[in-house]
Amino acid sequence: MKNKIFIPICIIFILASCTTAKKASEVNAAYVPSSQYASMSCEELYNAAEEIRAKTPALERAVDQSRKQDKVKEQVAWWLFAPAAFFLQGNADEQTSLSLAKGQLEAIRTAGLKGTCN
């Protein structure tokens, strides 16, 4: 009887304390309305997109590095002091920045297509 209760509690405990950090490739683009780019010329759209594309690799590295650090902390927590695993922060801030950059690129692309830019 005790095993029937103990095993599900252990599984819930383990799953609840796992990190929520994602890889950069797992981060989806945030919705950014293309209307904010509608008044821009094709050249301005291109320049804005290039500026964001230049920042994107650094954002991706930050997300991946933060995830890697979180995974290491998770492993250390499980080996040394399991309750500490509940206090892992994840990489939500880095994910948000990358998601916004991806969304801005999609919005610029959409505005360019509506504005008949190549």
N, C-alpha and C. Protein backbone atom coordinates (compact mmCIF):
# COMPACT_ATOMS: atom_id res chain seq x y z
N MET A 1 0.82 -1.19 0.00
CA MET A 1 0.00 0.00 0.00
C MET A 1 0.87 1.26 0.00
N LYS A 2 1.92 1.24 0.80
CA LYS A 2 2.79 2.41 0.87
C LYS A 2 3.50 2.66 -0.45
N ASN A 3 3.87 1.60 -1.18
CA ASN A 3 4.53 1.75 -2.47
C ASN A 3 3.62 2.40 -3.50
N LYS A 4 2.33 2.12 -3.42
CA LYS A 4 1.38 2.71 -4.37
C LYS A 4 1.29 4.21 -4.20
N ILE A 5 1.50 4.70 -3.04
CA ILE A 5 1.46 6.13 -2.78
C ILE A 5 2.84 6.75 -2.93
N PHE A 6 3.86 6.05 -2.49
CA PHE A 6 5.22 6.56 -2.49
C PHE A 6 5.75 6.79 -3.91
N ILE A 7 5.55 5.86 -4.81
CA ILE A 7 6.10 5.97 -6.17
C ILE A 7 5.50 7.17 -6.92
N PRO A 8 4.18 7.36 -6.94
CA PRO A 8 3.66 8.56 -7.64
C PRO A 8 4.13 9.87 -7.01
N ILE A 9 4.28 9.90 -5.70
CA ILE A 9 4.78 11.11 -5.05
C ILE A 9 6.21 11.38 -5.47
N CYS A 10 7.02 10.36 -5.56
CA CYS A 10 8.41 10.52 -6.01
C CYS A 10 8.47 11.02 -7.45
N ILE A 11 7.61 10.49 -8.31
CA ILE A 11 7.59 10.91 -9.71
C ILE A 11 7.18 12.37 -9.81
N ILE A 12 6.17 12.75 -9.09
CA ILE A 12 5.73 14.15 -9.09
C ILE A 12 6.83 15.05 -8.56
N PHE A 13 7.50 14.63 -7.52
CA PHE A 13 8.59 15.39 -6.92
C PHE A 13 9.71 15.61 -7.93
N ILE A 14 10.07 14.58 -8.65
CA ILE A 14 11.16 14.68 -9.64
C ILE A 14 10.75 15.58 -10.79
N LEU A 15 9.55 15.39 -11.33
CA LEU A 15 9.11 16.19 -12.46
C LEU A 15 8.93 17.66 -12.10
N ALA A 16 8.46 17.92 -10.92
CA ALA A 16 8.22 19.30 -10.49
C ALA A 16 9.52 20.07 -10.30
N SER A 17 10.58 19.39 -10.01
CA SER A 17 11.83 20.08 -9.73
C SER A 17 12.76 20.15 -10.93
N CYS A 18 12.34 19.66 -12.06
CA CYS A 18 13.17 19.75 -13.26
C CYS A 18 13.14 21.17 -13.81
N THR A 19 14.21 21.56 -14.44
CA THR A 19 14.33 22.90 -14.97
C THR A 19 13.40 23.12 -16.16
N THR A 20 12.97 24.34 -16.34
CA THR A 20 12.11 24.70 -17.47
C THR A 20 12.91 25.36 -18.58
N ALA A 21 14.21 25.35 -18.46
CA ALA A 21 15.06 25.99 -19.46
C ALA A 21 14.93 25.27 -20.80
N LYS A 22 14.90 26.06 -21.87
CA LYS A 22 14.78 25.52 -23.23
C LYS A 22 16.04 25.82 -24.03
N LYS A 23 16.21 25.03 -25.08
CA LYS A 23 17.27 25.31 -26.05
C LYS A 23 16.80 26.45 -26.95
N ALA A 24 17.74 27.12 -27.59
CA ALA A 24 17.39 28.21 -28.49
C ALA A 24 16.51 27.71 -29.63
N SER A 25 16.76 26.51 -30.11
CA SER A 25 15.97 25.96 -31.22
C SER A 25 14.54 25.65 -30.81
N GLU A 26 14.26 25.57 -29.52
CA GLU A 26 12.92 25.27 -29.02
C GLU A 26 12.09 26.53 -28.75
N VAL A 27 12.71 27.69 -28.86
CA VAL A 27 12.02 28.94 -28.57
C VAL A 27 11.24 29.38 -29.82
N ASN A 28 9.95 29.60 -29.66
CA ASN A 28 9.10 30.05 -30.76
C ASN A 28 9.07 31.57 -30.82
N ALA A 29 8.76 32.06 -32.00
CA ALA A 29 8.66 33.50 -32.19
C ALA A 29 7.44 34.06 -31.48
N ALA A 30 7.60 35.19 -30.86
CA ALA A 30 6.47 35.90 -30.24
C ALA A 30 5.73 36.65 -31.35
N TYR A 31 4.45 36.87 -31.13
CA TYR A 31 3.69 37.63 -32.11
C TYR A 31 4.05 39.11 -32.01
N VAL A 32 4.45 39.65 -33.13
CA VAL A 32 4.72 41.08 -33.24
C VAL A 32 3.92 41.56 -34.46
N PRO A 33 3.03 42.52 -34.30
CA PRO A 33 2.22 42.97 -35.43
C PRO A 33 3.07 43.64 -36.51
N SER A 34 2.83 43.27 -37.74
CA SER A 34 3.60 43.84 -38.84
C SER A 34 3.19 45.28 -39.12
N SER A 35 2.08 45.71 -38.55
CA SER A 35 1.61 47.08 -38.77
C SER A 35 2.60 48.13 -38.25
N GLN A 36 3.40 47.78 -37.26
CA GLN A 36 4.37 48.75 -36.75
C GLN A 36 5.50 48.99 -37.73
N TYR A 37 5.64 48.12 -38.73
CA TYR A 37 6.67 48.28 -39.74
C TYR A 37 6.08 48.72 -41.09
N ALA A 38 4.77 48.91 -41.16
CA ALA A 38 4.09 49.18 -42.42
C ALA A 38 4.53 50.50 -43.06
N SER A 39 4.88 51.47 -42.29
CA SER A 39 5.24 52.79 -42.84
C SER A 39 6.71 52.87 -43.27
N MET A 40 7.45 51.80 -43.09
CA MET A 40 8.87 51.83 -43.42
C MET A 40 9.10 51.48 -44.89
N SER A 41 10.14 52.08 -45.45
CA SER A 41 10.51 51.75 -46.83
C SER A 41 11.21 50.39 -46.85
N CYS A 42 11.38 49.85 -48.04
CA CYS A 42 12.04 48.54 -48.17
C CYS A 42 13.46 48.58 -47.60
N GLU A 43 14.15 49.67 -47.83
CA GLU A 43 15.51 49.80 -47.32
C GLU A 43 15.52 49.85 -45.79
N GLU A 44 14.57 50.58 -45.22
CA GLU A 44 14.48 50.65 -43.77
C GLU A 44 14.13 49.28 -43.17
N LEU A 45 13.23 48.56 -43.84
CA LEU A 45 12.89 47.20 -43.38
C LEU A 45 14.11 46.30 -43.42
N TYR A 46 14.86 46.39 -44.51
CA TYR A 46 16.07 45.58 -44.65
C TYR A 46 17.07 45.90 -43.55
N ASN A 47 17.28 47.18 -43.28
CA ASN A 47 18.22 47.59 -42.24
C ASN A 47 17.77 47.13 -40.85
N ALA A 48 16.47 47.24 -40.58
CA ALA A 48 15.94 46.79 -39.29
C ALA A 48 16.11 45.29 -39.14
N ALA A 49 15.84 44.55 -40.21
CA ALA A 49 16.00 43.09 -40.16
C ALA A 49 17.46 42.70 -39.96
N GLU A 50 18.36 43.38 -40.63
CA GLU A 50 19.78 43.08 -40.48
C GLU A 50 20.26 43.38 -39.07
N GLU A 51 19.75 44.43 -38.48
CA GLU A 51 20.13 44.79 -37.11
C GLU A 51 19.69 43.68 -36.13
N ILE A 52 18.48 43.19 -36.33
CA ILE A 52 17.97 42.13 -35.46
C ILE A 52 18.71 40.82 -35.73
N ARG A 53 18.96 40.52 -37.00
CA ARG A 53 19.70 39.29 -37.33
C ARG A 53 21.10 39.29 -36.73
N ALA A 54 21.71 40.46 -36.63
CA ALA A 54 23.05 40.57 -36.04
C ALA A 54 23.02 40.24 -34.55
N LYS A 55 21.90 40.55 -33.88
CA LYS A 55 21.78 40.30 -32.44
C LYS A 55 21.34 38.87 -32.13
N THR A 56 20.68 38.24 -33.07
CA THR A 56 20.08 36.93 -32.82
C THR A 56 21.08 35.85 -32.40
N PRO A 57 22.24 35.70 -33.03
CA PRO A 57 23.17 34.66 -32.57
C PRO A 57 23.59 34.83 -31.10
N ALA A 58 23.79 36.06 -30.67
CA ALA A 58 24.15 36.30 -29.27
C ALA A 58 22.99 35.91 -28.35
N LEU A 59 21.77 36.20 -28.77
CA LEU A 59 20.60 35.82 -27.97
C LEU A 59 20.48 34.29 -27.90
N GLU A 60 20.73 33.62 -29.03
CA GLU A 60 20.68 32.16 -29.05
C GLU A 60 21.75 31.56 -28.13
N ARG A 61 22.95 32.12 -28.18
CA ARG A 61 24.02 31.65 -27.29
C ARG A 61 23.65 31.85 -25.82
N ALA A 62 23.04 32.99 -25.52
CA ALA A 62 22.64 33.28 -24.14
C ALA A 62 21.61 32.28 -23.65
N VAL A 63 20.64 31.94 -24.50
CA VAL A 63 19.62 30.96 -24.14
C VAL A 63 20.26 29.59 -23.90
N ASP A 64 21.13 29.17 -24.83
CA ASP A 64 21.77 27.86 -24.69
C ASP A 64 22.71 27.81 -23.49
N GLN A 65 23.45 28.88 -23.26
CA GLN A 65 24.36 28.91 -22.12
C GLN A 65 23.59 28.88 -20.80
N SER A 66 22.53 29.64 -20.74
CA SER A 66 21.70 29.67 -19.53
C SER A 66 21.09 28.30 -19.26
N ARG A 67 20.65 27.62 -20.33
CA ARG A 67 20.09 26.28 -20.19
C ARG A 67 21.15 25.31 -19.68
N LYS A 68 22.34 25.41 -20.25
CA LYS A 68 23.43 24.53 -19.84
C LYS A 68 23.76 24.73 -18.36
N GLN A 69 23.84 25.97 -17.93
CA GLN A 69 24.13 26.27 -16.52
C GLN A 69 23.02 25.74 -15.61
N ASP A 70 21.78 25.89 -16.07
CA ASP A 70 20.65 25.41 -15.28
C ASP A 70 20.67 23.89 -15.15
N LYS A 71 21.05 23.21 -16.22
CA LYS A 71 21.13 21.74 -16.18
C LYS A 71 22.24 21.28 -15.24
N VAL A 72 23.36 21.99 -15.24
CA VAL A 72 24.45 21.65 -14.32
C VAL A 72 24.00 21.86 -12.88
N LYS A 73 23.34 22.99 -12.62
CA LYS A 73 22.83 23.25 -11.27
C LYS A 73 21.83 22.19 -10.85
N GLU A 74 21.01 21.76 -11.80
CA GLU A 74 20.02 20.72 -11.50
C GLU A 74 20.72 19.42 -11.09
N GLN A 75 21.74 19.03 -11.83
CA GLN A 75 22.48 17.81 -11.51
C GLN A 75 23.15 17.92 -10.14
N VAL A 76 23.79 19.05 -9.89
CA VAL A 76 24.46 19.27 -8.60
C VAL A 76 23.43 19.23 -7.47
N ALA A 77 22.30 19.86 -7.71
CA ALA A 77 21.26 19.87 -6.68
C ALA A 77 20.79 18.46 -6.36
N TRP A 78 20.61 17.65 -7.39
CA TRP A 78 20.13 16.29 -7.14
C TRP A 78 21.17 15.45 -6.40
N TRP A 79 22.45 15.69 -6.68
CA TRP A 79 23.48 14.90 -6.01
C TRP A 79 23.76 15.38 -4.59
N LEU A 80 23.68 16.68 -4.38
CA LEU A 80 24.06 17.22 -3.08
C LEU A 80 22.88 17.53 -2.16
N PHE A 81 21.90 18.21 -2.71
CA PHE A 81 20.80 18.65 -1.86
C PHE A 81 19.55 18.78 -2.73
N ALA A 82 18.76 17.71 -2.79
CA ALA A 82 17.62 17.63 -3.70
C ALA A 82 16.62 18.78 -3.57
N PRO A 83 16.29 19.26 -2.39
CA PRO A 83 15.31 20.37 -2.33
C PRO A 83 15.77 21.64 -3.05
N ALA A 84 17.06 21.80 -3.24
CA ALA A 84 17.56 22.98 -3.95
C ALA A 84 17.12 22.96 -5.42
N ALA A 85 16.80 21.80 -5.95
CA ALA A 85 16.37 21.70 -7.34
C ALA A 85 15.05 22.44 -7.57
N PHE A 86 14.29 22.66 -6.54
CA PHE A 86 13.03 23.38 -6.68
C PHE A 86 13.22 24.87 -6.92
N PHE A 87 14.41 25.37 -6.69
CA PHE A 87 14.66 26.80 -6.81
C PHE A 87 15.39 27.18 -8.09
N LEU A 88 15.44 26.28 -9.06
CA LEU A 88 16.07 26.59 -10.33
C LEU A 88 15.23 27.62 -11.07
N GLN A 89 15.89 28.57 -11.70
CA GLN A 89 15.18 29.68 -12.31
C GLN A 89 14.81 29.47 -13.76
N GLY A 90 15.49 28.60 -14.46
CA GLY A 90 15.23 28.45 -15.89
C GLY A 90 15.85 29.60 -16.67
N ASN A 91 15.46 29.73 -17.91
CA ASN A 91 16.02 30.80 -18.74
C ASN A 91 14.92 31.59 -19.42
N ALA A 92 13.88 31.91 -18.69
CA ALA A 92 12.71 32.61 -19.24
C ALA A 92 13.07 33.99 -19.80
N ASP A 93 13.94 34.72 -19.15
CA ASP A 93 14.31 36.05 -19.63
C ASP A 93 15.01 35.96 -20.99
N GLU A 94 15.94 35.04 -21.11
CA GLU A 94 16.65 34.86 -22.37
C GLU A 94 15.70 34.36 -23.46
N GLN A 95 14.79 33.46 -23.08
CA GLN A 95 13.80 32.96 -24.04
C GLN A 95 12.93 34.09 -24.57
N THR A 96 12.53 34.98 -23.68
CA THR A 96 11.67 36.10 -24.08
C THR A 96 12.37 37.00 -25.07
N SER A 97 13.64 37.31 -24.82
CA SER A 97 14.40 38.17 -25.73
C SER A 97 14.53 37.54 -27.11
N LEU A 98 14.86 36.25 -27.13
CA LEU A 98 15.01 35.56 -28.41
C LEU A 98 13.67 35.45 -29.13
N SER A 99 12.63 35.14 -28.39
CA SER A 99 11.29 35.02 -28.98
C SER A 99 10.85 36.34 -29.60
N LEU A 100 11.11 37.43 -28.92
CA LEU A 100 10.75 38.75 -29.44
C LEU A 100 11.54 39.07 -30.71
N ALA A 101 12.82 38.74 -30.72
CA ALA A 101 13.64 38.99 -31.92
C ALA A 101 13.12 38.18 -33.10
N LYS A 102 12.77 36.93 -32.86
CA LYS A 102 12.22 36.10 -33.93
C LYS A 102 10.89 36.67 -34.42
N GLY A 103 10.07 37.13 -33.51
CA GLY A 103 8.79 37.72 -33.88
C GLY A 103 8.95 39.00 -34.68
N GLN A 104 9.93 39.81 -34.30
CA GLN A 104 10.19 41.05 -35.04
C GLN A 104 10.64 40.75 -36.46
N LEU A 105 11.48 39.73 -36.62
CA LEU A 105 11.93 39.36 -37.96
C LEU A 105 10.75 38.90 -38.82
N GLU A 106 9.83 38.13 -38.23
CA GLU A 106 8.66 37.69 -38.97
C GLU A 106 7.77 38.88 -39.34
N ALA A 107 7.61 39.82 -38.43
CA ALA A 107 6.79 41.00 -38.70
C ALA A 107 7.41 41.85 -39.81
N ILE A 108 8.71 42.00 -39.79
CA ILE A 108 9.40 42.77 -40.83
C ILE A 108 9.24 42.06 -42.18
N ARG A 109 9.37 40.75 -42.17
CA ARG A 109 9.19 39.98 -43.40
C ARG A 109 7.78 40.16 -43.96
N THR A 110 6.79 40.08 -43.08
CA THR A 110 5.41 40.25 -43.50
C THR A 110 5.17 41.65 -44.04
N ALA A 111 5.71 42.66 -43.36
CA ALA A 111 5.56 44.04 -43.82
C ALA A 111 6.24 44.22 -45.18
N GLY A 112 7.37 43.57 -45.36
CA GLY A 112 8.07 43.65 -46.64
C GLY A 112 7.28 43.01 -47.77
N LEU A 113 6.65 41.89 -47.47
CA LEU A 113 5.83 41.22 -48.49
C LEU A 113 4.61 42.06 -48.86
N LYS A 114 4.01 42.69 -47.87
CA LYS A 114 2.85 43.57 -48.14
C LYS A 114 3.26 44.81 -48.90
N GLY A 115 4.48 45.27 -48.65
CA GLY A 115 4.99 46.46 -49.32
C GLY A 115 5.70 46.16 -50.63
N THR A 116 5.59 44.95 -51.10
CA THR A 116 6.20 44.47 -52.34
C THR A 116 7.72 44.68 -52.39
N CYS A 117 8.37 44.43 -51.27
CA CYS A 117 9.84 44.45 -51.24
C CYS A 117 10.34 43.07 -51.67
N ASN A 118 11.51 43.05 -52.24
CA ASN A 118 12.08 41.76 -52.67
C ASN A 118 12.66 41.01 -51.51
